[in-house]
C-alpha cells in the first residue's frame, strides 16, 4: 500500500470532523430557537482495501465519511408565555401549516412544525411568522366542529341572539302543601299558588324577559299533582291587553306517592313578545325525565315532604354578544367567550404524526416537510392517538443540551487534531523516503 493512502485517510478524518463541527455549531446557534430539534452527525468507515498476502487476506481502512445527519425529535421543555396564541405540544404531533409561497416546492405547500408561536393576522387567520396559515377544523354557528381540514380563521367577533326554546327546571314541590280553594288567579298569583320560580328568558331579538312559574297543588287521591302557570309582564307581549301579568304557558306535573315525577302535561306554551320579536315563540317546559319516559327520579323534579325549592333551572336563549376573550383546550379546541356569557367552540387546531419522523426534511423556519421516507401525515385532533396535548400560552424550547454540545465539540476538536497529526506524520515518512537518495 502506498504511503500516499495514509494521507488521503487523514484527509477524510479532517472532512468528517469538519462536518461534525458544523452540525454542533448549528445546534448551539439554535439553542434558543423555539421548537428547534437538534441534529446529530453520524459517521461510518469507508470500504476497506483488501491486501492478498498469500496466506490469507488483510483489510486496511480507507478512512471515514458522513453517513447521515439525523434530527432528534425528543421533547423540549415547555416555557410559559403571556400570549394565548402561543402553543406547545406535549407529545409526538406537529402543527400543520399551509404556505403556498414557500421556496420549498417539494412540500406542496404543507409544512409541519413544533414552533407554536402563532398570531392572528389582519384577515383573522391563525398564522405563523412567515405568513403560513395554521390548519385545523372550523365550527359552525352552533359550535359543532367539522371534519374538513382548512385554514383556521375567526370570521366574526359577534354572536347573534338566540330565543329561548327550552326551559329546564328541577324543583322540589313540598308534598305537605295544602290544596288551595278556587282557581289560580293571575292578578293574585302569589296568593293562589303554593310556590313560584323566576327565570330570565330571551326573545328572537335578544331581549330579556322575567318569567315566573307558579305552582298550585290540586286534589289527587292517587298521588301528588301540581298545576303550573308561566307568567310574564303584560306590557312585554303584544296580546297583553293591558293586564299586569300575561300567561304564556300552563300545564300539570304529576308525582307518585314517593314523590317521583310520573308525567308532565303542557296545555299551552306560546308567547308573542313585543318590540319586533318573532311571534309564536314556543317554549318546551322540561321538568326532568318522567317515569313514563323511562326516568327513575334522578335529576328530575320531585314532590317530597321538604320545603319547596328550586334545585336547578336553565334555558337555552341568550342576547347578542361580542367576543371578550379566547380559551384553548388541551385537545386543541379554540373557544370564544362572549360578553353575554356564552362559551362556544370556534374551531380546533389539527396535529400530524408520521410513521417515520426521521424521514422528515428540514425546510427552514423550524419547519419540516414530508417525504417518501417519512410516509404521509396522519392528521387529526390533539389527544387522539399519539399526537399529544396542546398547551396554550406556552412554547416548546429547543431540545439542545448545551453541556452535551460542548463536550461533543471538545471530542470533535481532538479528533480533528489527531487526524491532522496523522497527516503531518505521514509527511515526515515521505521526507524519510526522499532522504534515502542522499
Protein backbone atom coordinates (compact mmCIF):
# COMPACT_ATOMS: atom_id res chain seq x y z
CA UNK A 1 0.00 0.00 0.00
CA UNK A 2 1.43 3.41 -0.94
CA UNK A 3 2.27 5.88 1.80
CA UNK A 4 0.02 8.39 0.00
CA UNK A 5 -3.03 6.38 1.01
CA UNK A 6 -2.44 7.32 4.64
CA UNK A 7 -2.57 10.98 3.61
CA UNK A 8 -5.98 10.52 1.97
CA UNK A 9 -7.21 8.60 5.01
CA UNK A 10 -6.24 11.50 7.25
CA UNK A 11 -7.99 13.93 4.91
CA UNK A 12 -11.26 12.02 5.28
CA UNK A 13 -10.90 12.34 9.05
CA UNK A 14 -10.48 16.08 8.74
CA UNK A 15 -13.55 16.28 6.48
CA UNK A 16 -15.92 14.33 8.75
CA UNK A 17 -14.82 16.20 11.84
CA UNK A 18 -15.33 19.50 9.99
CA UNK A 19 -18.84 18.38 9.08
CA UNK A 20 -19.43 17.28 12.66
CA UNK A 21 -18.32 20.67 13.95
CA UNK A 22 -20.75 22.36 11.54
CA UNK A 23 -23.60 20.30 12.97
CA UNK A 24 -22.58 21.16 16.54
CA UNK A 25 -22.26 24.85 15.69
CA UNK A 26 -25.73 24.82 14.13
CA UNK A 27 -27.18 23.20 17.26
CA UNK A 28 -25.57 25.80 19.51
CA UNK A 29 -26.71 28.63 17.23
CA UNK A 30 -30.32 27.42 17.56
CA UNK A 31 -30.19 26.61 21.27
CA UNK A 32 -32.76 29.35 21.97
CA UNK A 33 -34.91 28.82 18.86
CA UNK A 34 -38.45 27.77 19.83
CA UNK A 35 -39.35 24.28 18.67
CA UNK A 36 -35.89 23.60 17.20
CA UNK A 37 -34.80 19.97 17.06
CA UNK A 38 -31.09 19.28 17.31
CA UNK A 39 -29.10 17.28 14.75
CA UNK A 40 -26.55 14.56 15.23
CA UNK A 41 -23.81 13.77 12.73
CA UNK A 42 -23.42 10.02 12.18
CA UNK A 43 -20.23 8.67 10.58
CA UNK A 44 -19.21 5.37 9.04
CA UNK A 45 -15.98 3.83 7.78
CA UNK A 46 -15.28 3.61 4.08
CA UNK A 47 -14.83 0.37 2.15
CA UNK A 48 -11.59 -1.25 3.27
CA UNK A 49 -8.73 -2.06 0.91
CA UNK A 50 -8.06 -5.80 0.55
CA UNK A 51 -4.42 -6.97 0.59
CA UNK A 52 -3.66 -10.53 -0.57
CA UNK A 53 -0.69 -11.84 1.40
CA UNK A 54 -0.61 -15.39 0.02
CA UNK A 55 -1.51 -16.97 3.31
CA UNK A 56 -4.72 -15.02 3.73
CA UNK A 57 -6.14 -11.59 3.22
CA UNK A 58 -5.88 -8.37 5.16
CA UNK A 59 -8.01 -5.26 5.09
CA UNK A 60 -6.84 -1.74 5.64
CA UNK A 61 -9.37 1.03 6.29
CA UNK A 62 -9.61 3.92 3.87
CA UNK A 63 -10.99 6.49 6.27
CA UNK A 64 -14.42 7.78 7.34
CA UNK A 65 -17.29 9.63 5.80
CA UNK A 66 -20.50 11.31 6.86
CA UNK A 67 -23.32 8.77 6.63
CA UNK A 68 -26.25 10.90 7.85
CA UNK A 69 -27.25 13.99 9.82
CA UNK A 70 -30.11 12.77 11.95
CA UNK A 71 -32.67 15.11 13.54
CA UNK A 72 -33.54 14.05 17.08
CA UNK A 73 -37.23 14.62 17.73
CA UNK A 74 -37.06 14.44 21.52
CA UNK A 75 -39.39 16.56 23.63
CA UNK A 76 -38.22 20.04 24.55
CA UNK A 77 -39.16 21.85 27.72
CA UNK A 78 -42.32 23.99 27.82
CA UNK A 79 -41.98 27.67 28.68
CA UNK A 80 -45.00 29.71 29.82
CA UNK A 81 -45.76 32.95 27.93
CA UNK A 82 -48.40 35.69 28.12
CA UNK A 83 -49.76 35.16 24.60
CA UNK A 84 -52.83 32.93 24.20
CA UNK A 85 -51.94 32.01 20.61
CA UNK A 86 -48.55 30.64 21.68
CA UNK A 87 -48.98 26.85 21.65
CA UNK A 88 -46.79 23.96 22.71
CA UNK A 89 -47.22 20.25 22.08
CA UNK A 90 -46.63 17.64 24.76
CA UNK A 91 -46.39 14.53 22.62
CA UNK A 92 -45.19 13.49 19.17
CA UNK A 93 -47.51 15.59 17.00
CA UNK A 94 -46.69 18.50 14.68
CA UNK A 95 -48.65 21.63 13.86
CA UNK A 96 -49.75 21.73 10.21
CA UNK A 97 -49.05 24.98 8.33
CA UNK A 98 -50.10 25.79 4.77
CA UNK A 99 -47.81 28.21 2.91
CA UNK A 100 -48.06 28.09 -0.88
CA UNK A 101 -45.48 30.91 -1.20
CA UNK A 102 -42.68 28.90 0.36
CA UNK A 103 -39.49 28.43 -1.61
CA UNK A 104 -39.60 24.69 -0.87
CA UNK A 105 -41.76 23.35 -3.69
CA UNK A 106 -41.43 19.66 -2.76
CA UNK A 107 -43.80 20.18 0.17
CA UNK A 108 -46.89 21.05 -1.93
CA UNK A 109 -47.40 23.96 0.44
CA UNK A 110 -47.81 21.84 3.60
CA UNK A 111 -45.29 22.13 6.41
CA UNK A 112 -45.03 20.61 9.87
CA UNK A 113 -43.56 22.36 12.88
CA UNK A 114 -43.22 22.23 16.64
CA UNK A 115 -42.83 26.00 16.85
CA UNK A 116 -46.23 27.24 18.01
CA UNK A 117 -45.51 30.99 18.04
CA UNK A 118 -48.70 31.91 16.17
CA UNK A 119 -50.68 35.13 15.76
CA UNK A 120 -53.97 36.23 14.23
CA UNK A 121 -53.22 38.22 11.08
CA UNK A 122 -55.24 41.18 9.74
CA UNK A 123 -57.68 38.85 7.97
CA UNK A 124 -58.40 36.77 11.08
CA UNK A 125 -56.25 33.77 10.09
CA UNK A 126 -54.18 31.97 12.70
CA UNK A 127 -50.71 32.28 11.14
CA UNK A 128 -47.03 31.72 11.79
CA UNK A 129 -44.31 34.36 11.45
CA UNK A 130 -43.80 33.57 7.74
CA UNK A 131 -47.46 34.14 6.83
CA UNK A 132 -48.40 30.46 6.64
CA UNK A 133 -51.90 29.57 7.84
CA UNK A 134 -52.33 27.06 10.66
CA UNK A 135 -54.55 24.15 9.65
CA UNK A 136 -57.45 22.81 11.67
CA UNK A 137 -61.19 22.33 11.80
CA UNK A 138 -63.77 25.12 11.93
CA UNK A 139 -67.04 25.11 13.88
CA UNK A 140 -70.50 26.04 12.63
CA UNK A 141 -72.80 28.60 14.21
CA UNK A 142 -73.88 26.04 16.82
CA UNK A 143 -70.31 25.24 17.86
CA UNK A 144 -70.13 21.81 16.18
CA UNK A 145 -66.63 21.15 14.81
CA UNK A 146 -66.40 19.88 11.24
CA UNK A 147 -64.04 17.18 9.95
CA UNK A 148 -62.75 19.17 6.96
CA UNK A 149 -59.14 20.35 7.27
CA UNK A 150 -58.79 24.03 6.38
CA UNK A 151 -57.26 27.34 7.43
CA UNK A 152 -58.28 28.40 10.94
CA UNK A 153 -59.99 31.76 10.77
CA UNK A 154 -62.12 33.69 13.24
CA UNK A 155 -64.70 35.11 10.85
CA UNK A 156 -66.78 37.20 13.25
CA UNK A 157 -66.43 38.67 16.69
CA UNK A 158 -70.19 38.77 17.33
CA UNK A 159 -72.70 36.09 18.14
CA UNK A 160 -76.36 36.54 17.13
CA UNK A 161 -79.10 36.32 19.77
CA UNK A 162 -80.95 33.05 20.29
CA UNK A 163 -84.54 32.89 21.54
CA UNK A 164 -85.45 30.63 24.41
CA UNK A 165 -86.97 27.41 23.09
CA UNK A 166 -86.36 25.11 26.05
CA UNK A 167 -86.59 25.73 29.77
CA UNK A 168 -85.26 23.06 32.14
CA UNK A 169 -86.45 23.15 35.71
CA UNK A 170 -85.62 20.87 38.62
CA UNK A 171 -87.76 21.82 41.61
CA UNK A 172 -89.00 20.13 44.74
CA UNK A 173 -92.64 20.87 45.47
CA UNK A 174 -93.46 20.33 49.13
CA UNK A 175 -95.72 17.28 49.43
CA UNK A 176 -97.15 18.87 52.58
CA UNK A 177 -98.52 21.82 50.59
CA UNK A 178 -102.22 22.39 51.10
CA UNK A 179 -104.74 22.23 48.28
CA UNK A 180 -105.88 25.84 47.86
CA UNK A 181 -109.52 26.59 47.28
CA UNK A 182 -110.61 28.11 43.99
CA UNK A 183 -108.80 28.55 40.69
CA UNK A 184 -105.44 30.16 40.04
CA UNK A 185 -105.87 33.95 39.71
CA UNK A 186 -103.19 35.79 37.67
CA UNK A 187 -104.00 39.02 39.48
CA UNK A 188 -103.38 37.32 42.82
CA UNK A 189 -100.75 34.85 41.69
CA UNK A 190 -98.80 34.64 44.94
CA UNK A 191 -101.98 34.16 47.00
CA UNK A 192 -103.47 31.45 44.77
CA UNK A 193 -100.31 29.33 44.39
CA UNK A 194 -98.05 27.36 46.71
CA UNK A 195 -94.63 28.10 45.17
CA UNK A 196 -93.10 30.16 42.36
CA UNK A 197 -89.88 30.26 40.40
CA UNK A 198 -88.46 33.14 38.29
CA UNK A 199 -86.03 32.82 35.37
CA UNK A 200 -84.83 35.17 32.63
CA UNK A 201 -85.73 34.17 29.07
CA UNK A 202 -84.99 35.77 25.69
CA UNK A 203 -86.95 36.63 22.55
CA UNK A 204 -85.69 36.44 18.94
CA UNK A 205 -84.19 39.96 19.20
CA UNK A 206 -82.18 39.02 22.27
CA UNK A 207 -84.45 40.98 24.58
CA UNK A 208 -84.61 39.62 28.12
CA UNK A 209 -87.87 38.98 29.99
CA UNK A 210 -88.59 37.80 33.51
CA UNK A 211 -90.85 34.75 33.50
CA UNK A 212 -92.31 33.46 36.75
CA UNK A 213 -93.75 29.95 37.01
CA UNK A 214 -96.39 29.50 39.72
CA UNK A 215 -97.23 26.04 41.11
CA UNK A 216 -100.62 25.27 42.68
CA UNK A 217 -101.45 21.93 44.24
CA UNK A 218 -104.52 20.08 43.01
CA UNK A 219 -106.66 17.44 44.67
CA UNK A 220 -105.39 13.99 43.67
CA UNK A 221 -106.24 10.82 45.58
CA UNK A 222 -103.77 8.64 43.66
CA UNK A 223 -100.62 10.76 44.03
CA UNK A 224 -99.47 14.36 44.07
CA UNK A 225 -100.37 16.80 41.28
CA UNK A 226 -99.49 20.46 40.78
CA UNK A 227 -100.67 22.73 38.04
CA UNK A 228 -98.24 25.37 36.81
CA UNK A 229 -98.72 28.73 35.15
CA UNK A 230 -95.88 30.65 33.41
CA UNK A 231 -96.42 34.41 33.56
CA UNK A 232 -94.64 37.45 32.06
CA UNK A 233 -95.25 41.20 32.28
CA UNK A 234 -98.34 42.01 30.22
CA UNK A 235 -96.64 45.09 28.76
CA UNK A 236 -93.92 42.96 27.19
CA UNK A 237 -96.26 40.96 24.92
CA UNK A 238 -98.41 42.16 22.02
CA UNK A 239 -101.52 40.45 23.35
CA UNK A 240 -101.17 41.63 26.94
CA UNK A 241 -104.43 43.61 26.74
CA UNK A 242 -103.23 45.94 29.48
CA UNK A 243 -103.03 43.14 32.05
CA UNK A 244 -100.35 43.27 34.70
CA UNK A 245 -99.36 39.64 34.08
CA UNK A 246 -99.88 37.56 30.94
CA UNK A 247 -99.95 33.78 30.94
CA UNK A 248 -97.60 32.27 28.31
CA UNK A 249 -97.58 28.65 29.45
CA UNK A 250 -99.51 26.22 31.61
CA UNK A 251 -99.87 22.54 32.38
CA UNK A 252 -99.56 19.97 35.15
CA UNK A 253 -96.86 17.82 36.76
CA UNK A 254 -97.81 14.52 38.39
CA UNK A 255 -95.84 12.58 41.03
CA UNK A 256 -96.34 9.16 42.59
CA UNK A 257 -96.76 8.60 46.32
CA UNK A 258 -92.96 8.56 46.73
CA UNK A 259 -92.65 11.98 45.12
CA UNK A 260 -91.09 10.71 41.86
CA UNK A 261 -92.09 12.53 38.67
CA UNK A 262 -94.64 10.42 36.80
CA UNK A 263 -95.73 12.65 33.95
CA UNK A 264 -95.91 16.23 32.77
CA UNK A 265 -98.58 17.87 30.63
CA UNK A 266 -98.20 21.10 28.67
CA UNK A 267 -101.51 22.71 27.75
CA UNK A 268 -100.07 25.90 26.29
CA UNK A 269 -96.54 27.27 25.73
CA UNK A 270 -96.61 30.05 23.16
CA UNK A 271 -95.65 33.67 23.64
CA UNK A 272 -95.78 36.77 21.39
CA UNK A 273 -93.22 39.27 22.63
CA UNK A 274 -93.48 42.93 21.60
CA UNK A 275 -90.72 45.11 20.19
CA UNK A 276 -90.37 43.46 16.78
CA UNK A 277 -89.61 39.97 18.09
CA UNK A 278 -90.79 36.91 16.15
CA UNK A 279 -94.33 35.89 17.06
CA UNK A 280 -95.45 32.48 18.22
CA UNK A 281 -92.30 31.67 20.20
CA UNK A 282 -92.84 28.13 21.52
CA UNK A 283 -91.13 27.05 24.75
CA UNK A 284 -90.65 23.47 25.89
CA UNK A 285 -91.04 23.30 29.67
CA UNK A 286 -88.91 20.38 30.86
CA UNK A 287 -89.22 19.27 34.50
CA UNK A 288 -86.94 16.26 34.08
CA UNK A 289 -87.28 12.74 32.75
CA UNK A 290 -90.54 11.16 33.84
CA UNK A 291 -91.17 7.53 34.79
CA UNK A 292 -93.41 7.40 31.73
CA UNK A 293 -90.35 8.20 29.57
CA UNK A 294 -88.05 5.76 31.41
CA UNK A 295 -86.82 8.02 34.21
CA UNK A 296 -86.17 6.94 37.77
CA UNK A 297 -86.44 10.26 39.55
CA UNK A 298 -82.74 11.12 39.42
CA UNK A 299 -82.20 14.65 38.18
CA UNK A 300 -85.92 15.31 37.82
CA UNK A 301 -88.37 17.43 39.77
CA UNK A 302 -89.79 15.84 42.90
CA UNK A 303 -92.57 16.20 45.45
CA UNK A 304 -91.34 15.11 48.85
CA UNK A 305 -92.07 16.40 52.35
CA UNK A 306 -89.43 19.13 52.29
CA UNK A 307 -89.59 22.85 51.74
CA UNK A 308 -90.31 23.82 48.14
CA UNK A 309 -87.10 24.89 46.44
CA UNK A 310 -85.57 25.30 43.00
CA UNK A 311 -82.63 22.87 42.75
CA UNK A 312 -81.70 23.87 39.22
CA UNK A 313 -83.07 25.82 36.30
CA UNK A 314 -81.66 26.69 32.90
CA UNK A 315 -82.76 27.91 29.48
CA UNK A 316 -81.07 27.92 26.08
CA UNK A 317 -81.61 31.53 24.97
CA UNK A 318 -79.19 34.44 25.09
CA UNK A 319 -78.76 38.01 23.92
CA UNK A 320 -76.30 39.16 21.24
CA UNK A 321 -72.69 39.30 22.38
CA UNK A 322 -69.14 40.08 21.33
CA UNK A 323 -66.01 38.05 21.94
CA UNK A 324 -64.21 39.28 25.03
CA UNK A 325 -61.61 36.50 25.32
CA UNK A 326 -60.45 33.20 23.87
CA UNK A 327 -59.57 29.92 25.53
CA UNK A 328 -57.59 26.97 24.21
CA UNK A 329 -58.36 23.45 25.42
CA UNK A 330 -55.84 20.61 25.68
CA UNK A 331 -57.44 18.92 22.68
CA UNK A 332 -56.76 21.99 20.54
CA UNK A 333 -60.31 23.35 20.62
CA UNK A 334 -60.39 27.14 20.44
CA UNK A 335 -63.35 28.57 22.35
CA UNK A 336 -64.71 32.09 22.28
CA UNK A 337 -66.05 33.61 25.50
CA UNK A 338 -68.69 36.25 24.74
CA UNK A 339 -69.97 39.22 26.68
CA UNK A 340 -73.38 37.54 27.02
CA UNK A 341 -71.88 34.66 28.98
CA UNK A 342 -71.91 32.16 26.11
CA UNK A 343 -68.85 30.00 25.52
CA UNK A 344 -68.74 28.47 22.04
CA UNK A 345 -66.23 26.40 20.07
CA UNK A 346 -64.80 28.35 17.13
CA UNK A 347 -62.51 25.66 15.74
CA UNK A 348 -59.74 23.23 16.63
CA UNK A 349 -56.03 23.09 15.79
CA UNK A 350 -55.00 19.90 13.98
CA UNK A 351 -51.87 17.85 14.67
CA UNK A 352 -49.99 15.46 12.39
CA UNK A 353 -47.92 12.37 13.14
CA UNK A 354 -45.71 10.23 10.89
CA UNK A 355 -44.68 6.60 10.77
CA UNK A 356 -41.05 7.69 10.46
CA UNK A 357 -40.24 11.10 11.89
CA UNK A 358 -36.60 10.65 10.89
CA UNK A 359 -37.73 10.78 7.26
CA UNK A 360 -38.87 14.40 7.51
CA UNK A 361 -36.76 17.02 5.73
CA UNK A 362 -35.99 20.46 7.14
CA UNK A 363 -37.42 23.43 5.27
CA UNK A 364 -36.05 26.27 7.40
CA UNK A 365 -38.01 28.40 9.88
CA UNK A 366 -38.02 25.36 12.22
CA UNK A 367 -40.38 23.60 9.78
CA UNK A 368 -40.31 20.20 8.09
CA UNK A 369 -41.93 18.70 5.03
CA UNK A 370 -42.88 15.09 4.41
CA UNK A 371 -41.05 12.68 2.11
CA UNK A 372 -41.48 9.13 0.90
CA UNK A 373 -39.27 8.00 3.78
CA UNK A 374 -41.42 9.74 6.41
CA UNK A 375 -44.69 8.45 4.99
CA UNK A 376 -47.83 10.57 4.59
CA UNK A 377 -49.06 12.66 7.53
CA UNK A 378 -51.78 11.27 9.77
CA UNK A 379 -53.77 14.36 10.74
CA UNK A 380 -56.38 14.62 13.48
CA UNK A 381 -57.37 16.24 16.76
CA UNK A 382 -54.97 16.56 19.67
CA UNK A 383 -55.28 13.98 22.46
CA UNK A 384 -56.05 11.26 19.90
CA UNK A 385 -53.57 8.54 19.06
CA UNK A 386 -50.03 9.61 19.92
CA UNK A 387 -50.48 13.22 18.82
CA UNK A 388 -50.29 14.59 22.34
CA UNK A 389 -51.88 17.62 24.00
CA UNK A 390 -51.73 21.32 23.15
CA UNK A 391 -50.87 23.79 25.90
CA UNK A 392 -51.89 27.41 25.30
CA UNK A 393 -49.73 30.36 26.39
CA UNK A 394 -46.69 28.10 26.16
CA UNK A 395 -43.85 27.47 23.73
CA UNK A 396 -41.62 24.44 23.35
CA UNK A 397 -37.95 25.19 23.90
CA UNK A 398 -35.15 23.78 21.77
CA UNK A 399 -34.05 20.29 22.79
CA UNK A 400 -30.37 21.31 22.52
CA UNK A 401 -28.34 20.45 25.63
CA UNK A 402 -25.51 22.99 25.65
CA UNK A 403 -23.38 20.99 28.09
CA UNK A 404 -23.59 17.92 25.87
CA UNK A 405 -22.84 20.01 22.77
CA UNK A 406 -19.69 21.48 24.34
CA UNK A 407 -18.48 18.00 25.31
CA UNK A 408 -19.10 16.85 21.75
CA UNK A 409 -17.27 19.94 20.49
CA UNK A 410 -14.19 19.01 22.53
CA UNK A 411 -14.24 15.45 21.19
CA UNK A 412 -14.63 16.71 17.62
CA UNK A 413 -11.79 19.19 18.06
CA UNK A 414 -9.50 16.48 19.41
CA UNK A 415 -10.49 14.20 16.56
CA UNK A 416 -9.62 16.90 14.05
CA UNK A 417 -6.26 17.47 15.77
CA UNK A 418 -5.48 13.75 15.77
CA UNK A 419 -6.26 13.41 12.06
CA UNK A 420 -4.13 16.45 11.23
CA UNK A 421 -1.31 14.83 13.22
CA UNK A 422 -1.62 11.65 11.13
CA UNK A 423 -1.15 13.78 8.02
CA UNK A 424 1.95 15.52 9.38
CA UNK A 425 3.38 12.16 10.49
CA UNK A 426 2.82 10.71 7.03
CA UNK A 427 4.55 13.78 5.60
CA UNK A 428 7.55 13.01 7.80
CA UNK A 429 7.59 9.46 6.41
CA UNK A 430 7.65 10.93 2.89
CA UNK A 431 10.58 13.06 3.91
CA UNK A 432 12.49 9.99 5.17
CA UNK A 433 11.89 8.17 1.88
CA UNK A 434 13.14 11.18 -0.09
CA UNK A 435 16.25 11.33 2.08
CA UNK A 436 17.15 7.72 1.13
CA UNK A 437 18.57 9.07 -2.14
CA UNK A 438 21.31 11.03 -0.36
